[in-house]
Amino acid sequence: MTIQLHCFGESGNSYKAALALELAGVPWEPVFVDFFGGAARTPAYRDLNPMGEAPLLIDGDTRLSQSGAIQQWITDRTGKFGGSEADKYEVLRWVLWDNHKLSSQIGTTRFLMNFLPEAKRPAEVIAFFQGRLRAAYDTLNRHLEGRDWIVGDGVTNADLSCCSYLYYSEPFGFDRADWPHIDAWLDRVSALPGWKHPYDLMPGRPSDRDQ
């Protein structure tokens, strides 16, 4: 049975799992979650994933949500992206930092700025999140100075987690030109064999809802 990943293109968290599967060479197929149509809140989806979120990986009897857990599942299955034995907790530290300090706040900010009706976009809340995000970008940019990858000498789950939202073109207060070490690192990630943009890797993009 081919691994299924329930996901949608706008989801940076889904992208973390989809990109790890793709770069690891694991056969998989995307299953579109119509998140903006409320699909993740339906009883049918909640039966699959009581957390009511994407991504959701299904492999036979295995059902796994939370992108970091899915990334670790891929590492355990393939031996890829976990870093060296000495580095595994450093990889985990950056995945957790991303989930708490970077991706979660980008996801919220990007949603508020792009996917809410313009009249309902809370300017003060957006400004607050953008301030916190600038601090996170600075942390990552400083860390990447003189480094090719976040941890160790090759790509790990730390990179695949932290990069996920930074390829989206919808505005959320991030300009690659302002963060040269992040910019160069994103180029290195996108040069990896098998890399695809989230909208090319998973079904669903904003233009689909404009039709």
C-alpha atoms as a PDB file:
ATOM      1  CA  MET A   1       0.000   0.000   0.000  1.00  0.00           C
ATOM      2  CA  THR A   2       1.352   3.432  -0.955  1.00  0.00           C
ATOM      3  CA  ILE A   3       1.769   5.838   1.918  1.00  0.00           C
ATOM      4  CA  GLN A   4      -0.878   8.555   1.927  1.00  0.00           C
ATOM      5  CA  LEU A   5      -0.292  12.053   3.185  1.00  0.00           C
ATOM      6  CA  HIS A   6      -3.454  14.051   3.819  1.00  0.00           C
ATOM      7  CA  CYS A   7      -2.321  17.578   3.085  1.00  0.00           C
ATOM      8  CA  PHE A   8      -2.963  20.801   1.173  1.00  0.00           C
ATOM      9  CA  GLY A   9      -0.655  23.112  -0.695  1.00  0.00           C
ATOM     10  CA  GLU A  10      -1.072  26.194   1.464  1.00  0.00           C
ATOM     11  CA  SER A  11       0.022  24.312   4.576  1.00  0.00           C
ATOM     12  CA  GLY A  12       3.649  24.806   5.525  1.00  0.00           C
ATOM     13  CA  ASN A  13       3.295  22.089   8.136  1.00  0.00           C
ATOM     14  CA  SER A  14       2.087  19.659   5.490  1.00  0.00           C
ATOM     15  CA  TYR A  15       5.028  20.709   3.348  1.00  0.00           C
ATOM     16  CA  LYS A  16       7.489  19.630   6.045  1.00  0.00           C
ATOM     17  CA  ALA A  17       6.179  16.076   5.848  1.00  0.00           C
ATOM     18  CA  ALA A  18       5.681  16.020   2.076  1.00  0.00           C
ATOM     19  CA  LEU A  19       9.170  17.374   1.386  1.00  0.00           C
ATOM     20  CA  ALA A  20      10.767  14.847   3.736  1.00  0.00           C
ATOM     21  CA  LEU A  21       8.925  12.005   2.010  1.00  0.00           C
ATOM     22  CA  GLU A  22       9.879  13.296  -1.421  1.00  0.00           C
ATOM     23  CA  LEU A  23      13.555  13.919  -0.673  1.00  0.00           C
ATOM     24  CA  ALA A  24      13.848  10.571   1.102  1.00  0.00           C
ATOM     25  CA  GLY A  25      12.553   8.808  -1.998  1.00  0.00           C
ATOM     26  CA  VAL A  26       9.652   7.197  -0.154  1.00  0.00           C
ATOM     27  CA  PRO A  27       6.714   6.325  -2.454  1.00  0.00           C
ATOM     28  CA  TRP A  28       3.707   8.358  -1.344  1.00  0.00           C
ATOM     29  CA  GLU A  29       0.596  10.020  -2.650  1.00  0.00           C
ATOM     30  CA  PRO A  30      -1.088  13.230  -1.533  1.00  0.00           C
ATOM     31  CA  VAL A  31      -4.712  13.222  -0.432  1.00  0.00           C
ATOM     32  CA  PHE A  32      -6.185  16.707  -0.648  1.00  0.00           C
ATOM     33  CA  VAL A  33      -7.671  18.134   2.531  1.00  0.00           C
ATOM     34  CA  ASP A  34     -10.077  20.968   1.691  1.00  0.00           C
ATOM     35  CA  PHE A  35      -9.059  22.824   4.815  1.00  0.00           C
ATOM     36  CA  PHE A  36     -10.600  26.137   3.798  1.00  0.00           C
ATOM     37  CA  GLY A  37     -13.837  24.313   3.002  1.00  0.00           C
ATOM     38  CA  GLY A  38     -13.960  22.911   6.531  1.00  0.00           C
ATOM     39  CA  ALA A  39     -12.960  19.336   5.670  1.00  0.00           C
ATOM     40  CA  ALA A  40     -10.641  18.981   8.680  1.00  0.00           C
ATOM     41  CA  ARG A  41     -13.571  19.690  11.014  1.00  0.00           C
ATOM     42  CA  THR A  42     -15.890  17.019   9.609  1.00  0.00           C
ATOM     43  CA  PRO A  43     -16.707  13.865  11.608  1.00  0.00           C
ATOM     44  CA  ALA A  44     -15.222  11.730   8.831  1.00  0.00           C
ATOM     45  CA  TYR A  45     -11.861  13.476   9.067  1.00  0.00           C
ATOM     46  CA  ARG A  46     -11.955  13.541  12.850  1.00  0.00           C
ATOM     47  CA  ASP A  47     -12.363   9.774  12.744  1.00  0.00           C
ATOM     48  CA  LEU A  48      -9.061   9.630  10.883  1.00  0.00           C
ATOM     49  CA  ASN A  49      -7.356  12.292  12.969  1.00  0.00           C
ATOM     50  CA  PRO A  50      -9.027  13.385  16.221  1.00  0.00           C
ATOM     51  CA  MET A  51      -6.720  16.428  16.299  1.00  0.00           C
ATOM     52  CA  GLY A  52      -8.474  17.683  13.168  1.00  0.00           C
ATOM     53  CA  GLU A  53      -5.396  18.976  11.396  1.00  0.00           C
ATOM     54  CA  ALA A  54      -3.084  18.381   8.481  1.00  0.00           C
ATOM     55  CA  PRO A  55      -0.754  16.725   7.728  1.00  0.00           C
ATOM     56  CA  LEU A  56      -1.875  13.207   8.471  1.00  0.00           C
ATOM     57  CA  LEU A  57       0.204  10.240   7.330  1.00  0.00           C
ATOM     58  CA  ILE A  58      -1.448   6.889   6.787  1.00  0.00           C
ATOM     59  CA  ASP A  59       0.586   3.740   6.169  1.00  0.00           C
ATOM     60  CA  GLY A  60      -1.514   0.647   6.684  1.00  0.00           C
ATOM     61  CA  ASP A  61      -2.596   0.691  10.320  1.00  0.00           C
ATOM     62  CA  THR A  62      -0.276   3.612  11.111  1.00  0.00           C
ATOM     63  CA  ARG A  63      -1.922   7.008  11.425  1.00  0.00           C
ATOM     64  CA  LEU A  64       0.353   9.817  12.418  1.00  0.00           C
ATOM     65  CA  SER A  65      -0.174  13.557  12.655  1.00  0.00           C
ATOM     66  CA  GLN A  66       2.123  16.420  13.700  1.00  0.00           C
ATOM     67  CA  SER A  67       4.803  17.209  11.126  1.00  0.00           C
ATOM     68  CA  GLY A  68       7.721  16.696  13.522  1.00  0.00           C
ATOM     69  CA  ALA A  69       6.488  13.227  14.433  1.00  0.00           C
ATOM     70  CA  ILE A  70       6.023  12.366  10.747  1.00  0.00           C
ATOM     71  CA  GLN A  71       9.536  13.606   9.978  1.00  0.00           C
ATOM     72  CA  GLN A  72      10.937  11.386  12.717  1.00  0.00           C
ATOM     73  CA  TRP A  73       8.915   8.432  11.376  1.00  0.00           C
ATOM     74  CA  ILE A  74      10.525   9.003   7.966  1.00  0.00           C
ATOM     75  CA  THR A  75      13.958   9.182   9.592  1.00  0.00           C
ATOM     76  CA  ASP A  76      13.376   5.944  11.486  1.00  0.00           C
ATOM     77  CA  ARG A  77      12.161   4.253   8.292  1.00  0.00           C
ATOM     78  CA  THR A  78      14.889   5.512   5.937  1.00  0.00           C
ATOM     79  CA  GLY A  79      17.812   6.582   8.102  1.00  0.00           C
ATOM     80  CA  LYS A  80      17.731  10.018   6.477  1.00  0.00           C
ATOM     81  CA  PHE A  81      17.576  13.548   7.913  1.00  0.00           C
ATOM     82  CA  GLY A  82      18.197  12.582  11.531  1.00  0.00           C
ATOM     83  CA  GLY A  83      21.774  13.826  11.624  1.00  0.00           C
ATOM     84  CA  SER A  84      24.573  11.990  13.357  1.00  0.00           C
ATOM     85  CA  GLU A  85      24.044  10.235  16.665  1.00  0.00           C
ATOM     86  CA  ALA A  86      25.838  13.093  18.366  1.00  0.00           C
ATOM     87  CA  ASP A  87      23.578  15.648  16.673  1.00  0.00           C
ATOM     88  CA  LYS A  88      20.145  14.051  17.055  1.00  0.00           C
ATOM     89  CA  TYR A  89      19.099  16.165  20.027  1.00  0.00           C
ATOM     90  CA  GLU A  90      20.348  19.325  18.313  1.00  0.00           C
ATOM     91  CA  VAL A  91      18.172  18.426  15.323  1.00  0.00           C
ATOM     92  CA  LEU A  92      15.224  17.906  17.655  1.00  0.00           C
ATOM     93  CA  ARG A  93      15.956  21.201  19.416  1.00  0.00           C
ATOM     94  CA  TRP A  94      15.691  23.112  16.139  1.00  0.00           C
ATOM     95  CA  VAL A  95      12.542  21.265  15.057  1.00  0.00           C
ATOM     96  CA  LEU A  96      10.905  22.217  18.340  1.00  0.00           C
ATOM     97  CA  TRP A  97      12.188  25.802  18.052  1.00  0.00           C
ATOM     98  CA  ASP A  98      10.711  26.033  14.573  1.00  0.00           C
ATOM     99  CA  ASN A  99       7.358  24.629  15.673  1.00  0.00           C
ATOM    100  CA  HIS A 100       7.143  27.101  18.556  1.00  0.00           C
ATOM    101  CA  LYS A 101       8.988  30.231  17.411  1.00  0.00           C
ATOM    102  CA  LEU A 102       8.950  30.240  13.615  1.00  0.00           C
ATOM    103  CA  SER A 103       6.419  28.161  11.698  1.00  0.00           C
ATOM    104  CA  SER A 104       3.562  28.539  14.139  1.00  0.00           C
ATOM    105  CA  GLN A 105       3.826  32.321  14.043  1.00  0.00           C
ATOM    106  CA  ILE A 106       4.410  32.514  10.292  1.00  0.00           C
ATOM    107  CA  GLY A 107       1.375  30.308   9.740  1.00  0.00           C
ATOM    108  CA  THR A 108      -0.810  32.560  11.864  1.00  0.00           C
ATOM    109  CA  THR A 109       0.544  35.791  10.369  1.00  0.00           C
ATOM    110  CA  ARG A 110       0.266  34.546   6.798  1.00  0.00           C
ATOM    111  CA  PHE A 111      -3.300  33.411   7.419  1.00  0.00           C
ATOM    112  CA  LEU A 112      -4.316  36.731   8.947  1.00  0.00           C
ATOM    113  CA  MET A 113      -2.702  38.731   6.140  1.00  0.00           C
ATOM    114  CA  ASN A 114      -3.846  36.684   3.166  1.00  0.00           C
ATOM    115  CA  PHE A 115      -6.694  34.311   3.888  1.00  0.00           C
ATOM    116  CA  LEU A 116      -9.030  36.461   5.952  1.00  0.00           C
ATOM    117  CA  PRO A 117     -11.271  39.012   4.229  1.00  0.00           C
ATOM    118  CA  GLU A 118      -9.385  42.285   4.096  1.00  0.00           C
ATOM    119  CA  ALA A 119     -11.831  44.056   6.405  1.00  0.00           C
ATOM    120  CA  LYS A 120     -11.263  41.436   9.115  1.00  0.00           C
ATOM    121  CA  ARG A 121      -7.463  41.522   9.153  1.00  0.00           C
ATOM    122  CA  PRO A 122      -6.378  42.688  12.654  1.00  0.00           C
ATOM    123  CA  ALA A 123      -3.566  45.173  12.056  1.00  0.00           C
ATOM    124  CA  GLU A 124      -2.340  45.292  15.672  1.00  0.00           C
ATOM    125  CA  VAL A 125      -2.227  41.510  15.988  1.00  0.00           C
ATOM    126  CA  ILE A 126      -0.379  41.208  12.680  1.00  0.00           C
ATOM    127  CA  ALA A 127       2.161  43.826  13.789  1.00  0.00           C
ATOM    128  CA  PHE A 128       2.707  41.970  17.064  1.00  0.00           C
ATOM    129  CA  PHE A 129       3.389  38.683  15.293  1.00  0.00           C
ATOM    130  CA  GLN A 130       5.654  40.325  12.735  1.00  0.00           C
ATOM    131  CA  GLY A 131       7.754  41.762  15.563  1.00  0.00           C
ATOM    132  CA  ARG A 132       8.166  38.307  17.079  1.00  0.00           C
ATOM    133  CA  LEU A 133       8.962  36.874  13.666  1.00  0.00           C
ATOM    134  CA  ARG A 134      11.722  39.394  13.043  1.00  0.00           C
ATOM    135  CA  ALA A 135      13.403  38.137  16.213  1.00  0.00           C
ATOM    136  CA  ALA A 136      13.070  34.548  14.978  1.00  0.00           C
ATOM    137  CA  TYR A 137      14.461  35.405  11.538  1.00  0.00           C
ATOM    138  CA  ASP A 138      17.392  37.097  13.235  1.00  0.00           C
ATOM    139  CA  THR A 139      18.071  34.010  15.359  1.00  0.00           C
ATOM    140  CA  LEU A 140      18.065  31.742  12.316  1.00  0.00           C
ATOM    141  CA  ASN A 141      20.065  34.154  10.147  1.00  0.00           C
ATOM    142  CA  ARG A 142      22.777  34.522  12.793  1.00  0.00           C
ATOM    143  CA  HIS A 143      22.955  30.769  13.310  1.00  0.00           C
ATOM    144  CA  LEU A 144      23.399  30.131   9.578  1.00  0.00           C
ATOM    145  CA  GLU A 145      26.334  32.513   9.227  1.00  0.00           C
ATOM    146  CA  GLY A 146      29.285  30.369   8.180  1.00  0.00           C
ATOM    147  CA  ARG A 147      27.127  27.222   7.993  1.00  0.00           C
ATOM    148  CA  ASP A 148      25.615  25.365   5.070  1.00  0.00           C
ATOM    149  CA  TRP A 149      23.002  23.572   7.198  1.00  0.00           C
ATOM    150  CA  ILE A 150      21.347  24.192  10.526  1.00  0.00           C
ATOM    151  CA  VAL A 151      22.904  21.133  12.181  1.00  0.00           C
ATOM    152  CA  GLY A 152      25.975  19.211  11.078  1.00  0.00           C
ATOM    153  CA  ASP A 153      27.286  18.763   7.579  1.00  0.00           C
ATOM    154  CA  GLY A 154      24.123  17.840   5.702  1.00  0.00           C
ATOM    155  CA  VAL A 155      20.417  18.434   5.441  1.00  0.00           C
ATOM    156  CA  THR A 156      18.371  17.278   8.431  1.00  0.00           C
ATOM    157  CA  ASN A 157      14.850  17.559   9.729  1.00  0.00           C
ATOM    158  CA  ALA A 158      15.925  20.863  11.268  1.00  0.00           C
ATOM    159  CA  ASP A 159      16.336  22.314   7.775  1.00  0.00           C
ATOM    160  CA  LEU A 160      13.192  20.688   6.383  1.00  0.00           C
ATOM    161  CA  SER A 161      11.159  22.032   9.282  1.00  0.00           C
ATOM    162  CA  CYS A 162      12.535  25.573   9.408  1.00  0.00           C
ATOM    163  CA  CYS A 163      12.449  26.178   5.643  1.00  0.00           C
ATOM    164  CA  SER A 164       8.842  25.169   5.089  1.00  0.00           C
ATOM    165  CA  TYR A 165       6.951  28.461   5.238  1.00  0.00           C
ATOM    166  CA  LEU A 166       9.790  30.545   3.828  1.00  0.00           C
ATOM    167  CA  TYR A 167       9.168  29.511   0.208  1.00  0.00           C
ATOM    168  CA  TYR A 168       5.628  30.888   0.080  1.00  0.00           C
ATOM    169  CA  SER A 169       5.152  34.073  -1.896  1.00  0.00           C
ATOM    170  CA  GLU A 170       2.117  35.399  -0.012  1.00  0.00           C
ATOM    171  CA  PRO A 171       3.254  38.345   2.153  1.00  0.00           C
ATOM    172  CA  PHE A 172       3.807  37.811   5.850  1.00  0.00           C
ATOM    173  CA  GLY A 173       6.663  40.210   6.571  1.00  0.00           C
ATOM    174  CA  PHE A 174       9.580  38.153   5.266  1.00  0.00           C
ATOM    175  CA  ASP A 175      11.889  39.259   2.469  1.00  0.00           C
ATOM    176  CA  ARG A 176      14.767  36.914   1.691  1.00  0.00           C
ATOM    177  CA  ALA A 177      16.964  39.838   0.661  1.00  0.00           C
ATOM    178  CA  ASP A 178      16.868  41.135   4.240  1.00  0.00           C
ATOM    179  CA  TRP A 179      18.346  37.902   5.614  1.00  0.00           C
ATOM    180  CA  PRO A 180      21.335  36.910   3.458  1.00  0.00           C
ATOM    181  CA  HIS A 181      22.319  33.753   5.347  1.00  0.00           C
ATOM    182  CA  ILE A 182      18.738  32.481   5.272  1.00  0.00           C
ATOM    183  CA  ASP A 183      18.534  33.379   1.600  1.00  0.00           C
ATOM    184  CA  ALA A 184      21.649  31.374   0.708  1.00  0.00           C
ATOM    185  CA  TRP A 185      20.476  28.430   2.818  1.00  0.00           C
ATOM    186  CA  LEU A 186      17.076  28.383   1.099  1.00  0.00           C
ATOM    187  CA  ASP A 187      18.919  28.203  -2.219  1.00  0.00           C
ATOM    188  CA  ARG A 188      20.860  25.196  -0.950  1.00  0.00           C
ATOM    189  CA  VAL A 189      17.682  23.444   0.158  1.00  0.00           C
ATOM    190  CA  SER A 190      15.908  24.105  -3.140  1.00  0.00           C
ATOM    191  CA  ALA A 191      18.940  22.758  -5.036  1.00  0.00           C
ATOM    192  CA  LEU A 192      18.547  19.324  -3.396  1.00  0.00           C
ATOM    193  CA  PRO A 193      17.612  16.565  -5.895  1.00  0.00           C
ATOM    194  CA  GLY A 194      13.845  16.074  -5.783  1.00  0.00           C
ATOM    195  CA  TRP A 195      13.011  19.432  -4.183  1.00  0.00           C
ATOM    196  CA  LYS A 196       9.679  20.917  -5.220  1.00  0.00           C
ATOM    197  CA  HIS A 197       7.839  24.067  -4.247  1.00  0.00           C
ATOM    198  CA  PRO A 198       4.892  23.376  -1.924  1.00  0.00           C
ATOM    199  CA  TYR A 199       2.346  24.279  -4.593  1.00  0.00           C
ATOM    200  CA  ASP A 200       3.999  21.816  -6.968  1.00  0.00           C
ATOM    201  CA  LEU A 201       4.297  19.052  -4.392  1.00  0.00           C
ATOM    202  CA  MET A 202       0.806  19.131  -2.866  1.00  0.00           C
ATOM    203  CA  PRO A 203      -2.682  19.859  -4.217  1.00  0.00           C
ATOM    204  CA  GLY A 204      -4.379  23.136  -3.361  1.00  0.00           C
ATOM    205  CA  ARG A 205      -3.341  26.758  -3.824  1.00  0.00           C
ATOM    206  CA  PRO A 206      -5.036  30.130  -3.285  1.00  0.00           C
ATOM    207  CA  SER A 207      -5.857  30.537  -6.970  1.00  0.00           C
ATOM    208  CA  ASP A 208      -8.051  27.429  -6.801  1.00  0.00           C
ATOM    209  CA  ARG A 209     -10.419  29.286  -4.489  1.00  0.00           C
ATOM    210  CA  ASP A 210     -10.574  32.321  -6.772  1.00  0.00           C
ATOM    211  CA  GLN A 211     -12.241  30.360  -9.566  1.00  0.00           C
END
